[in-house]
Each structure stands twice: as C-alpha cells, then as structure tokens.
ModelCIF file with pLDDT and N, C-alpha, C, O atoms, coordinates in Angstrom:
data_MODEL
#
_entry.id   MODEL 
#
_entity.id                         1 
_entity.type                       polymer 
_entity.pdbx_number_of_molecules   1 
#
_entity_poly.entity_id                      1 
_entity_poly.type                           'polypeptide(L)' 
_entity_poly.nstd_linkage                   no 
_entity_poly.nstd_monomer                   no 
_entity_poly.pdbx_seq_one_letter_code       HREAILLKYFHGMGYEEIQEIISVNYQTARNYIYHGVKTLKKEFRD 
_entity_poly.pdbx_seq_one_letter_code_can   HREAILLKYFHGMGYEEIQEIISVNYQTARNYIYHGVKTLKKEFRD 
_entity_poly.pdbx_strand_id                 A 
#
loop_
_entity_poly_seq.entity_id 
_entity_poly_seq.num 
_entity_poly_seq.mon_id 
_entity_poly_seq.hetero 
1 1  HIS n 
1 2  ARG n 
1 3  GLU n 
1 4  ALA n 
1 5  ILE n 
1 6  LEU n 
1 7  LEU n 
1 8  LYS n 
1 9  TYR n 
1 10 PHE n 
1 11 HIS n 
1 12 GLY n 
1 13 MET n 
1 14 GLY n 
1 15 TYR n 
1 16 GLU n 
1 17 GLU n 
1 18 ILE n 
1 19 GLN n 
1 20 GLU n 
1 21 ILE n 
1 22 ILE n 
1 23 SER n 
1 24 VAL n 
1 25 ASN n 
1 26 TYR n 
1 27 GLN n 
1 28 THR n 
1 29 ALA n 
1 30 ARG n 
1 31 ASN n 
1 32 TYR n 
1 33 ILE n 
1 34 TYR n 
1 35 HIS n 
1 36 GLY n 
1 37 VAL n 
1 38 LYS n 
1 39 THR n 
1 40 LEU n 
1 41 LYS n 
1 42 LYS n 
1 43 GLU n 
1 44 PHE n 
1 45 ARG n 
1 46 ASP n 
#
_struct_asym.id          A 
_struct_asym.entity_id   1 
#
loop_
_ma_qa_metric.id 
_ma_qa_metric.mode 
_ma_qa_metric.name 
_ma_qa_metric.software_group_id 
_ma_qa_metric.type 
1 global pLDDT . pLDDT 
2 local  pLDDT . pLDDT 
#
_ma_qa_metric_global.metric_id      1 
_ma_qa_metric_global.metric_value   96.33 
_ma_qa_metric_global.model_id       1 
_ma_qa_metric_global.ordinal_id     1 
#
loop_
_ma_qa_metric_local.label_asym_id 
_ma_qa_metric_local.label_comp_id 
_ma_qa_metric_local.label_seq_id 
_ma_qa_metric_local.metric_id 
_ma_qa_metric_local.metric_value 
_ma_qa_metric_local.model_id 
_ma_qa_metric_local.ordinal_id 
A HIS 1  2 97.00 1 1  
A ARG 2  2 97.00 1 2  
A GLU 3  2 97.00 1 3  
A ALA 4  2 98.00 1 4  
A ILE 5  2 97.00 1 5  
A LEU 6  2 97.00 1 6  
A LEU 7  2 98.00 1 7  
A LYS 8  2 98.00 1 8  
A TYR 9  2 97.00 1 9  
A PHE 10 2 97.00 1 10 
A HIS 11 2 98.00 1 11 
A GLY 12 2 98.00 1 12 
A MET 13 2 98.00 1 13 
A GLY 14 2 98.00 1 14 
A TYR 15 2 98.00 1 15 
A GLU 16 2 98.00 1 16 
A GLU 17 2 98.00 1 17 
A ILE 18 2 98.00 1 18 
A GLN 19 2 98.00 1 19 
A GLU 20 2 98.00 1 20 
A ILE 21 2 97.00 1 21 
A ILE 22 2 97.00 1 22 
A SER 23 2 97.00 1 23 
A VAL 24 2 98.00 1 24 
A ASN 25 2 98.00 1 25 
A TYR 26 2 98.00 1 26 
A GLN 27 2 98.00 1 27 
A THR 28 2 98.00 1 28 
A ALA 29 2 98.00 1 29 
A ARG 30 2 98.00 1 30 
A ASN 31 2 98.00 1 31 
A TYR 32 2 98.00 1 32 
A ILE 33 2 98.00 1 33 
A TYR 34 2 98.00 1 34 
A HIS 35 2 97.00 1 35 
A GLY 36 2 97.00 1 36 
A VAL 37 2 96.00 1 37 
A LYS 38 2 96.00 1 38 
A THR 39 2 95.00 1 39 
A LEU 40 2 94.00 1 40 
A LYS 41 2 93.00 1 41 
A LYS 42 2 92.00 1 42 
A GLU 43 2 90.00 1 43 
A PHE 44 2 89.00 1 44 
A ARG 45 2 87.00 1 45 
A ASP 46 2 83.00 1 46 
#
loop_
_atom_site.group_PDB 
_atom_site.id 
_atom_site.type_symbol 
_atom_site.label_atom_id 
_atom_site.label_alt_id 
_atom_site.label_comp_id 
_atom_site.label_asym_id 
_atom_site.label_entity_id 
_atom_site.label_seq_id 
_atom_site.pdbx_PDB_ins_code 
_atom_site.Cartn_x 
_atom_site.Cartn_y 
_atom_site.Cartn_z 
_atom_site.occupancy 
_atom_site.B_iso_or_equiv 
_atom_site.pdbx_formal_charge 
_atom_site.auth_seq_id 
_atom_site.auth_comp_id 
_atom_site.auth_asym_id 
_atom_site.auth_atom_id 
_atom_site.pdbx_PDB_model_num 
ATOM 1   N N  . HIS A 1 1  ? -11.400 34.476 75.148 1.00 97.00 ? 1  HIS A N  1 
ATOM 2   C CA . HIS A 1 1  ? -11.084 35.679 74.363 1.00 97.00 ? 1  HIS A CA 1 
ATOM 3   C C  . HIS A 1 1  ? -9.684  36.175 74.736 1.00 97.00 ? 1  HIS A C  1 
ATOM 4   O O  . HIS A 1 1  ? -8.877  36.504 73.867 1.00 97.00 ? 1  HIS A O  1 
ATOM 5   N N  . ARG A 1 2  ? -9.418  36.223 76.025 1.00 97.00 ? 2  ARG A N  1 
ATOM 6   C CA . ARG A 1 2  ? -8.108  36.682 76.504 1.00 97.00 ? 2  ARG A CA 1 
ATOM 7   C C  . ARG A 1 2  ? -6.992  35.789 75.962 1.00 97.00 ? 2  ARG A C  1 
ATOM 8   O O  . ARG A 1 2  ? -5.969  36.277 75.482 1.00 97.00 ? 2  ARG A O  1 
ATOM 9   N N  . GLU A 1 3  ? -7.201  34.493 76.044 1.00 97.00 ? 3  GLU A N  1 
ATOM 10  C CA . GLU A 1 3  ? -6.202  33.538 75.561 1.00 97.00 ? 3  GLU A CA 1 
ATOM 11  C C  . GLU A 1 3  ? -5.948  33.717 74.061 1.00 97.00 ? 3  GLU A C  1 
ATOM 12  O O  . GLU A 1 3  ? -4.797  33.736 73.625 1.00 97.00 ? 3  GLU A O  1 
ATOM 13  N N  . ALA A 1 4  ? -7.011  33.848 73.279 1.00 98.00 ? 4  ALA A N  1 
ATOM 14  C CA . ALA A 1 4  ? -6.867  34.022 71.832 1.00 98.00 ? 4  ALA A CA 1 
ATOM 15  C C  . ALA A 1 4  ? -6.122  35.317 71.503 1.00 98.00 ? 4  ALA A C  1 
ATOM 16  O O  . ALA A 1 4  ? -5.263  35.329 70.620 1.00 98.00 ? 4  ALA A O  1 
ATOM 17  N N  . ILE A 1 5  ? -6.442  36.400 72.203 1.00 97.00 ? 5  ILE A N  1 
ATOM 18  C CA . ILE A 1 5  ? -5.770  37.679 71.964 1.00 97.00 ? 5  ILE A CA 1 
ATOM 19  C C  . ILE A 1 5  ? -4.295  37.592 72.330 1.00 97.00 ? 5  ILE A C  1 
ATOM 20  O O  . ILE A 1 5  ? -3.445  38.098 71.598 1.00 97.00 ? 5  ILE A O  1 
ATOM 21  N N  . LEU A 1 6  ? -3.985  36.959 73.447 1.00 97.00 ? 6  LEU A N  1 
ATOM 22  C CA . LEU A 1 6  ? -2.581  36.809 73.838 1.00 97.00 ? 6  LEU A CA 1 
ATOM 23  C C  . LEU A 1 6  ? -1.798  36.013 72.796 1.00 97.00 ? 6  LEU A C  1 
ATOM 24  O O  . LEU A 1 6  ? -0.676  36.372 72.440 1.00 97.00 ? 6  LEU A O  1 
ATOM 25  N N  . LEU A 1 7  ? -2.400  34.940 72.319 1.00 98.00 ? 7  LEU A N  1 
ATOM 26  C CA . LEU A 1 7  ? -1.715  34.132 71.302 1.00 98.00 ? 7  LEU A CA 1 
ATOM 27  C C  . LEU A 1 7  ? -1.520  34.909 70.007 1.00 98.00 ? 7  LEU A C  1 
ATOM 28  O O  . LEU A 1 7  ? -0.466  34.815 69.378 1.00 98.00 ? 7  LEU A O  1 
ATOM 29  N N  . LYS A 1 8  ? -2.527  35.674 69.607 1.00 98.00 ? 8  LYS A N  1 
ATOM 30  C CA . LYS A 1 8  ? -2.473  36.426 68.345 1.00 98.00 ? 8  LYS A CA 1 
ATOM 31  C C  . LYS A 1 8  ? -1.490  37.594 68.417 1.00 98.00 ? 8  LYS A C  1 
ATOM 32  O O  . LYS A 1 8  ? -0.603  37.718 67.571 1.00 98.00 ? 8  LYS A O  1 
ATOM 33  N N  . TYR A 1 9  ? -1.648  38.441 69.419 1.00 97.00 ? 9  TYR A N  1 
ATOM 34  C CA . TYR A 1 9  ? -0.906  39.695 69.430 1.00 97.00 ? 9  TYR A CA 1 
ATOM 35  C C  . TYR A 1 9  ? 0.380   39.673 70.242 1.00 97.00 ? 9  TYR A C  1 
ATOM 36  O O  . TYR A 1 9  ? 1.276   40.474 69.975 1.00 97.00 ? 9  TYR A O  1 
ATOM 37  N N  . PHE A 1 10 ? 0.503   38.794 71.217 1.00 97.00 ? 10 PHE A N  1 
ATOM 38  C CA . PHE A 1 10 ? 1.709   38.755 72.027 1.00 97.00 ? 10 PHE A CA 1 
ATOM 39  C C  . PHE A 1 10 ? 2.651   37.624 71.609 1.00 97.00 ? 10 PHE A C  1 
ATOM 40  O O  . PHE A 1 10 ? 3.853   37.680 71.868 1.00 97.00 ? 10 PHE A O  1 
ATOM 41  N N  . HIS A 1 11 ? 2.089   36.595 70.956 1.00 98.00 ? 11 HIS A N  1 
ATOM 42  C CA . HIS A 1 11 ? 2.919   35.483 70.500 1.00 98.00 ? 11 HIS A CA 1 
ATOM 43  C C  . HIS A 1 11 ? 2.986   35.396 68.975 1.00 98.00 ? 11 HIS A C  1 
ATOM 44  O O  . HIS A 1 11 ? 3.681   34.539 68.429 1.00 98.00 ? 11 HIS A O  1 
ATOM 45  N N  . GLY A 1 12 ? 2.262   36.283 68.292 1.00 98.00 ? 12 GLY A N  1 
ATOM 46  C CA . GLY A 1 12 ? 2.330   36.365 66.836 1.00 98.00 ? 12 GLY A CA 1 
ATOM 47  C C  . GLY A 1 12 ? 1.775   35.164 66.088 1.00 98.00 ? 12 GLY A C  1 
ATOM 48  O O  . GLY A 1 12 ? 2.187   34.900 64.958 1.00 98.00 ? 12 GLY A O  1 
ATOM 49  N N  . MET A 1 13 ? 0.870   34.451 66.680 1.00 98.00 ? 13 MET A N  1 
ATOM 50  C CA . MET A 1 13 ? 0.323   33.253 66.029 1.00 98.00 ? 13 MET A CA 1 
ATOM 51  C C  . MET A 1 13 ? -0.821  33.615 65.094 1.00 98.00 ? 13 MET A C  1 
ATOM 52  O O  . MET A 1 13 ? -1.505  34.623 65.272 1.00 98.00 ? 13 MET A O  1 
ATOM 53  N N  . GLY A 1 14 ? -1.005  32.770 64.102 1.00 98.00 ? 14 GLY A N  1 
ATOM 54  C CA . GLY A 1 14 ? -2.108  32.931 63.164 1.00 98.00 ? 14 GLY A CA 1 
ATOM 55  C C  . GLY A 1 14 ? -3.344  32.219 63.669 1.00 98.00 ? 14 GLY A C  1 
ATOM 56  O O  . GLY A 1 14 ? -3.296  31.474 64.648 1.00 98.00 ? 14 GLY A O  1 
ATOM 57  N N  . TYR A 1 15 ? -4.455  32.457 62.985 1.00 98.00 ? 15 TYR A N  1 
ATOM 58  C CA . TYR A 1 15 ? -5.725  31.857 63.398 1.00 98.00 ? 15 TYR A CA 1 
ATOM 59  C C  . TYR A 1 15 ? -5.672  30.330 63.372 1.00 98.00 ? 15 TYR A C  1 
ATOM 60  O O  . TYR A 1 15 ? -6.284  29.675 64.215 1.00 98.00 ? 15 TYR A O  1 
ATOM 61  N N  . GLU A 1 16 ? -4.945  29.761 62.409 1.00 98.00 ? 16 GLU A N  1 
ATOM 62  C CA . GLU A 1 16 ? -4.847  28.311 62.310 1.00 98.00 ? 16 GLU A CA 1 
ATOM 63  C C  . GLU A 1 16 ? -4.167  27.733 63.543 1.00 98.00 ? 16 GLU A C  1 
ATOM 64  O O  . GLU A 1 16 ? -4.610  26.721 64.086 1.00 98.00 ? 16 GLU A O  1 
ATOM 65  N N  . GLU A 1 17 ? -3.084  28.379 63.985 1.00 98.00 ? 17 GLU A N  1 
ATOM 66  C CA . GLU A 1 17 ? -2.375  27.909 65.175 1.00 98.00 ? 17 GLU A CA 1 
ATOM 67  C C  . GLU A 1 17 ? -3.250  28.070 66.424 1.00 98.00 ? 17 GLU A C  1 
ATOM 68  O O  . GLU A 1 17 ? -3.294  27.191 67.285 1.00 98.00 ? 17 GLU A O  1 
ATOM 69  N N  . ILE A 1 18 ? -3.932  29.193 66.503 1.00 98.00 ? 18 ILE A N  1 
ATOM 70  C CA . ILE A 1 18 ? -4.784  29.462 67.659 1.00 98.00 ? 18 ILE A CA 1 
ATOM 71  C C  . ILE A 1 18 ? -5.908  28.441 67.756 1.00 98.00 ? 18 ILE A C  1 
ATOM 72  O O  . ILE A 1 18 ? -6.217  27.950 68.842 1.00 98.00 ? 18 ILE A O  1 
ATOM 73  N N  . GLN A 1 19 ? -6.515  28.124 66.623 1.00 98.00 ? 19 GLN A N  1 
ATOM 74  C CA . GLN A 1 19 ? -7.616  27.154 66.648 1.00 98.00 ? 19 GLN A CA 1 
ATOM 75  C C  . GLN A 1 19 ? -7.141  25.809 67.159 1.00 98.00 ? 19 GLN A C  1 
ATOM 76  O O  . GLN A 1 19 ? -7.874  25.127 67.875 1.00 98.00 ? 19 GLN A O  1 
ATOM 77  N N  . GLU A 1 20 ? -5.935  25.417 66.807 1.00 98.00 ? 20 GLU A N  1 
ATOM 78  C CA . GLU A 1 20 ? -5.407  24.137 67.265 1.00 98.00 ? 20 GLU A CA 1 
ATOM 79  C C  . GLU A 1 20 ? -5.108  24.164 68.761 1.00 98.00 ? 20 GLU A C  1 
ATOM 80  O O  . GLU A 1 20 ? -5.412  23.209 69.476 1.00 98.00 ? 20 GLU A O  1 
ATOM 81  N N  . ILE A 1 21 ? -4.518  25.247 69.228 1.00 97.00 ? 21 ILE A N  1 
ATOM 82  C CA . ILE A 1 21 ? -4.122  25.340 70.631 1.00 97.00 ? 21 ILE A CA 1 
ATOM 83  C C  . ILE A 1 21 ? -5.325  25.371 71.563 1.00 97.00 ? 21 ILE A C  1 
ATOM 84  O O  . ILE A 1 21 ? -5.333  24.698 72.593 1.00 97.00 ? 21 ILE A O  1 
ATOM 85  N N  . ILE A 1 22 ? -6.350  26.156 71.200 1.00 97.00 ? 22 ILE A N  1 
ATOM 86  C CA . ILE A 1 22 ? -7.495  26.260 72.108 1.00 97.00 ? 22 ILE A CA 1 
ATOM 87  C C  . ILE A 1 22 ? -8.662  25.354 71.700 1.00 97.00 ? 22 ILE A C  1 
ATOM 88  O O  . ILE A 1 22 ? -9.754  25.440 72.261 1.00 97.00 ? 22 ILE A O  1 
ATOM 89  N N  . SER A 1 23 ? -8.416  24.505 70.734 1.00 97.00 ? 23 SER A N  1 
ATOM 90  C CA . SER A 1 23 ? -9.377  23.461 70.319 1.00 97.00 ? 23 SER A CA 1 
ATOM 91  C C  . SER A 1 23 ? -10.746 24.008 69.925 1.00 97.00 ? 23 SER A C  1 
ATOM 92  O O  . SER A 1 23 ? -11.779 23.590 70.447 1.00 97.00 ? 23 SER A O  1 
ATOM 93  N N  . VAL A 1 24 ? -10.721 24.955 68.986 1.00 98.00 ? 24 VAL A N  1 
ATOM 94  C CA . VAL A 1 24 ? -11.955 25.487 68.409 1.00 98.00 ? 24 VAL A CA 1 
ATOM 95  C C  . VAL A 1 24 ? -11.776 25.539 66.902 1.00 98.00 ? 24 VAL A C  1 
ATOM 96  O O  . VAL A 1 24 ? -10.669 25.351 66.397 1.00 98.00 ? 24 VAL A O  1 
ATOM 97  N N  . ASN A 1 25 ? -12.866 25.794 66.179 1.00 98.00 ? 25 ASN A N  1 
ATOM 98  C CA . ASN A 1 25 ? -12.707 25.896 64.732 1.00 98.00 ? 25 ASN A CA 1 
ATOM 99  C C  . ASN A 1 25 ? -12.164 27.288 64.356 1.00 98.00 ? 25 ASN A C  1 
ATOM 100 O O  . ASN A 1 25 ? -12.101 28.188 65.194 1.00 98.00 ? 25 ASN A O  1 
ATOM 101 N N  . TYR A 1 26 ? -11.785 27.438 63.118 1.00 98.00 ? 26 TYR A N  1 
ATOM 102 C CA . TYR A 1 26 ? -11.151 28.664 62.627 1.00 98.00 ? 26 TYR A CA 1 
ATOM 103 C C  . TYR A 1 26 ? -12.017 29.890 62.880 1.00 98.00 ? 26 TYR A C  1 
ATOM 104 O O  . TYR A 1 26 ? -11.521 30.900 63.379 1.00 98.00 ? 26 TYR A O  1 
ATOM 105 N N  . GLN A 1 27 ? -13.296 29.820 62.547 1.00 98.00 ? 27 GLN A N  1 
ATOM 106 C CA . GLN A 1 27 ? -14.183 30.977 62.693 1.00 98.00 ? 27 GLN A CA 1 
ATOM 107 C C  . GLN A 1 27 ? -14.368 31.353 64.160 1.00 98.00 ? 27 GLN A C  1 
ATOM 108 O O  . GLN A 1 27 ? -14.461 32.537 64.486 1.00 98.00 ? 27 GLN A O  1 
ATOM 109 N N  . THR A 1 28 ? -14.421 30.384 65.029 1.00 98.00 ? 28 THR A N  1 
ATOM 110 C CA . THR A 1 28 ? -14.554 30.672 66.455 1.00 98.00 ? 28 THR A CA 1 
ATOM 111 C C  . THR A 1 28 ? -13.321 31.401 66.965 1.00 98.00 ? 28 THR A C  1 
ATOM 112 O O  . THR A 1 28 ? -13.442 32.335 67.758 1.00 98.00 ? 28 THR A O  1 
ATOM 113 N N  . ALA A 1 29 ? -12.136 30.991 66.524 1.00 98.00 ? 29 ALA A N  1 
ATOM 114 C CA . ALA A 1 29 ? -10.904 31.690 66.914 1.00 98.00 ? 29 ALA A CA 1 
ATOM 115 C C  . ALA A 1 29 ? -10.967 33.153 66.459 1.00 98.00 ? 29 ALA A C  1 
ATOM 116 O O  . ALA A 1 29 ? -10.613 34.056 67.217 1.00 98.00 ? 29 ALA A O  1 
ATOM 117 N N  . ARG A 1 30 ? -11.411 33.381 65.242 1.00 98.00 ? 30 ARG A N  1 
ATOM 118 C CA . ARG A 1 30 ? -11.552 34.755 64.730 1.00 98.00 ? 30 ARG A CA 1 
ATOM 119 C C  . ARG A 1 30 ? -12.574 35.538 65.554 1.00 98.00 ? 30 ARG A C  1 
ATOM 120 O O  . ARG A 1 30 ? -12.352 36.704 65.881 1.00 98.00 ? 30 ARG A O  1 
ATOM 121 N N  . ASN A 1 31 ? -13.685 34.896 65.886 1.00 98.00 ? 31 ASN A N  1 
ATOM 122 C CA . ASN A 1 31 ? -14.723 35.563 66.667 1.00 98.00 ? 31 ASN A CA 1 
ATOM 123 C C  . ASN A 1 31 ? -14.226 35.937 68.061 1.00 98.00 ? 31 ASN A C  1 
ATOM 124 O O  . ASN A 1 31 ? -14.505 37.035 68.541 1.00 98.00 ? 31 ASN A O  1 
ATOM 125 N N  . TYR A 1 32 ? -13.497 35.042 68.709 1.00 98.00 ? 32 TYR A N  1 
ATOM 126 C CA . TYR A 1 32 ? -12.949 35.349 70.034 1.00 98.00 ? 32 TYR A CA 1 
ATOM 127 C C  . TYR A 1 32 ? -12.082 36.601 69.976 1.00 98.00 ? 32 TYR A C  1 
ATOM 128 O O  . TYR A 1 32 ? -12.190 37.479 70.832 1.00 98.00 ? 32 TYR A O  1 
ATOM 129 N N  . ILE A 1 33 ? -11.231 36.677 68.975 1.00 98.00 ? 33 ILE A N  1 
ATOM 130 C CA . ILE A 1 33 ? -10.333 37.829 68.854 1.00 98.00 ? 33 ILE A CA 1 
ATOM 131 C C  . ILE A 1 33 ? -11.118 39.083 68.511 1.00 98.00 ? 33 ILE A C  1 
ATOM 132 O O  . ILE A 1 33 ? -10.886 40.141 69.096 1.00 98.00 ? 33 ILE A O  1 
ATOM 133 N N  . TYR A 1 34 ? -12.034 38.975 67.579 1.00 98.00 ? 34 TYR A N  1 
ATOM 134 C CA . TYR A 1 34 ? -12.839 40.138 67.186 1.00 98.00 ? 34 TYR A CA 1 
ATOM 135 C C  . TYR A 1 34 ? -13.596 40.712 68.386 1.00 98.00 ? 34 TYR A C  1 
ATOM 136 O O  . TYR A 1 34 ? -13.520 41.910 68.656 1.00 98.00 ? 34 TYR A O  1 
ATOM 137 N N  . HIS A 1 35 ? -14.316 39.864 69.095 1.00 97.00 ? 35 HIS A N  1 
ATOM 138 C CA . HIS A 1 35 ? -15.121 40.336 70.220 1.00 97.00 ? 35 HIS A CA 1 
ATOM 139 C C  . HIS A 1 35 ? -14.247 40.816 71.381 1.00 97.00 ? 35 HIS A C  1 
ATOM 140 O O  . HIS A 1 35 ? -14.599 41.770 72.075 1.00 97.00 ? 35 HIS A O  1 
ATOM 141 N N  . GLY A 1 36 ? -13.118 40.156 71.586 1.00 97.00 ? 36 GLY A N  1 
ATOM 142 C CA . GLY A 1 36 ? -12.204 40.590 72.637 1.00 97.00 ? 36 GLY A CA 1 
ATOM 143 C C  . GLY A 1 36 ? -11.626 41.967 72.353 1.00 97.00 ? 36 GLY A C  1 
ATOM 144 O O  . GLY A 1 36 ? -11.587 42.819 73.240 1.00 97.00 ? 36 GLY A O  1 
ATOM 145 N N  . VAL A 1 37 ? -11.180 42.189 71.134 1.00 96.00 ? 37 VAL A N  1 
ATOM 146 C CA . VAL A 1 37 ? -10.629 43.493 70.754 1.00 96.00 ? 37 VAL A CA 1 
ATOM 147 C C  . VAL A 1 37 ? -11.714 44.562 70.810 1.00 96.00 ? 37 VAL A C  1 
ATOM 148 O O  . VAL A 1 37 ? -11.466 45.679 71.263 1.00 96.00 ? 37 VAL A O  1 
ATOM 149 N N  . LYS A 1 38 ? -12.894 44.225 70.357 1.00 96.00 ? 38 LYS A N  1 
ATOM 150 C CA . LYS A 1 38 ? -14.013 45.175 70.399 1.00 96.00 ? 38 LYS A CA 1 
ATOM 151 C C  . LYS A 1 38 ? -14.301 45.598 71.846 1.00 96.00 ? 38 LYS A C  1 
ATOM 152 O O  . LYS A 1 38 ? -14.510 46.780 72.120 1.00 96.00 ? 38 LYS A O  1 
ATOM 153 N N  . THR A 1 39 ? -14.312 44.643 72.754 1.00 95.00 ? 39 THR A N  1 
ATOM 154 C CA . THR A 1 39 ? -14.550 44.932 74.167 1.00 95.00 ? 39 THR A CA 1 
ATOM 155 C C  . THR A 1 39 ? -13.432 45.798 74.739 1.00 95.00 ? 39 THR A C  1 
ATOM 156 O O  . THR A 1 39 ? -13.700 46.746 75.477 1.00 95.00 ? 39 THR A O  1 
ATOM 157 N N  . LEU A 1 40 ? -12.186 45.481 74.408 1.00 94.00 ? 40 LEU A N  1 
ATOM 158 C CA . LEU A 1 40 ? -11.057 46.267 74.904 1.00 94.00 ? 40 LEU A CA 1 
ATOM 159 C C  . LEU A 1 40 ? -11.100 47.704 74.395 1.00 94.00 ? 40 LEU A C  1 
ATOM 160 O O  . LEU A 1 40 ? -10.821 48.637 75.147 1.00 94.00 ? 40 LEU A O  1 
ATOM 161 N N  . LYS A 1 41 ? -11.446 47.884 73.122 1.00 93.00 ? 41 LYS A N  1 
ATOM 162 C CA . LYS A 1 41 ? -11.553 49.233 72.561 1.00 93.00 ? 41 LYS A CA 1 
ATOM 163 C C  . LYS A 1 41 ? -12.622 50.039 73.287 1.00 93.00 ? 41 LYS A C  1 
ATOM 164 O O  . LYS A 1 41 ? -12.408 51.202 73.630 1.00 93.00 ? 41 LYS A O  1 
ATOM 165 N N  . LYS A 1 42 ? -13.771 49.414 73.518 1.00 92.00 ? 42 LYS A N  1 
ATOM 166 C CA . LYS A 1 42 ? -14.860 50.110 74.198 1.00 92.00 ? 42 LYS A CA 1 
ATOM 167 C C  . LYS A 1 42 ? -14.443 50.478 75.616 1.00 92.00 ? 42 LYS A C  1 
ATOM 168 O O  . LYS A 1 42 ? -14.683 51.602 76.058 1.00 92.00 ? 42 LYS A O  1 
ATOM 169 N N  . GLU A 1 43 ? -13.835 49.568 76.319 1.00 90.00 ? 43 GLU A N  1 
ATOM 170 C CA . GLU A 1 43 ? -13.396 49.824 77.693 1.00 90.00 ? 43 GLU A CA 1 
ATOM 171 C C  . GLU A 1 43 ? -12.359 50.945 77.727 1.00 90.00 ? 43 GLU A C  1 
ATOM 172 O O  . GLU A 1 43 ? -12.416 51.825 78.587 1.00 90.00 ? 43 GLU A O  1 
ATOM 173 N N  . PHE A 1 44 ? -11.426 50.910 76.803 1.00 89.00 ? 44 PHE A N  1 
ATOM 174 C CA . PHE A 1 44 ? -10.406 51.956 76.733 1.00 89.00 ? 44 PHE A CA 1 
ATOM 175 C C  . PHE A 1 44 ? -11.046 53.308 76.440 1.00 89.00 ? 44 PHE A C  1 
ATOM 176 O O  . PHE A 1 44 ? -10.706 54.311 77.069 1.00 89.00 ? 44 PHE A O  1 
ATOM 177 N N  . ARG A 1 45 ? -11.963 53.334 75.497 1.00 87.00 ? 45 ARG A N  1 
ATOM 178 C CA . ARG A 1 45 ? -12.655 54.563 75.121 1.00 87.00 ? 45 ARG A CA 1 
ATOM 179 C C  . ARG A 1 45 ? -13.443 55.114 76.311 1.00 87.00 ? 45 ARG A C  1 
ATOM 180 O O  . ARG A 1 45 ? -13.390 56.313 76.587 1.00 87.00 ? 45 ARG A O  1 
ATOM 181 N N  . ASP A 1 46 ? -14.164 54.254 77.009 1.00 83.00 ? 46 ASP A N  1 
ATOM 182 C CA . ASP A 1 46 ? -14.958 54.672 78.160 1.00 83.00 ? 46 ASP A CA 1 
ATOM 183 C C  . ASP A 1 46 ? -14.065 55.213 79.277 1.00 83.00 ? 46 ASP A C  1 
ATOM 184 O O  . ASP A 1 46 ? -14.565 55.613 80.329 1.00 83.00 ? 46 ASP A O  1 
#
C-alpha cells in the first residue's frame, strides 16, 4: 500500500504504471491506493 501511494502521489504515476512496477493487476493497484489512503485518513482523523 505504501509503495503504491508513493508511486501515485509522490511520483505522479498512473495505475497502469503502478501495476507494472509492483507486478499486480490494475484493480489491485487501485485497491492498494484506496485502502492505504483510507487508513491514512482515519489515522490522521484519530
């Protein structure tokens, strides 16, 4: 999740690039980012 978020938001990569780099399918890359951001929001809020 951390790796996907770093690639998306700090390196500006799209889901297609992320899926290739971390060797997962497109939906899994989206899920990693979604769940990672959700966790970060909750932690920040708490």
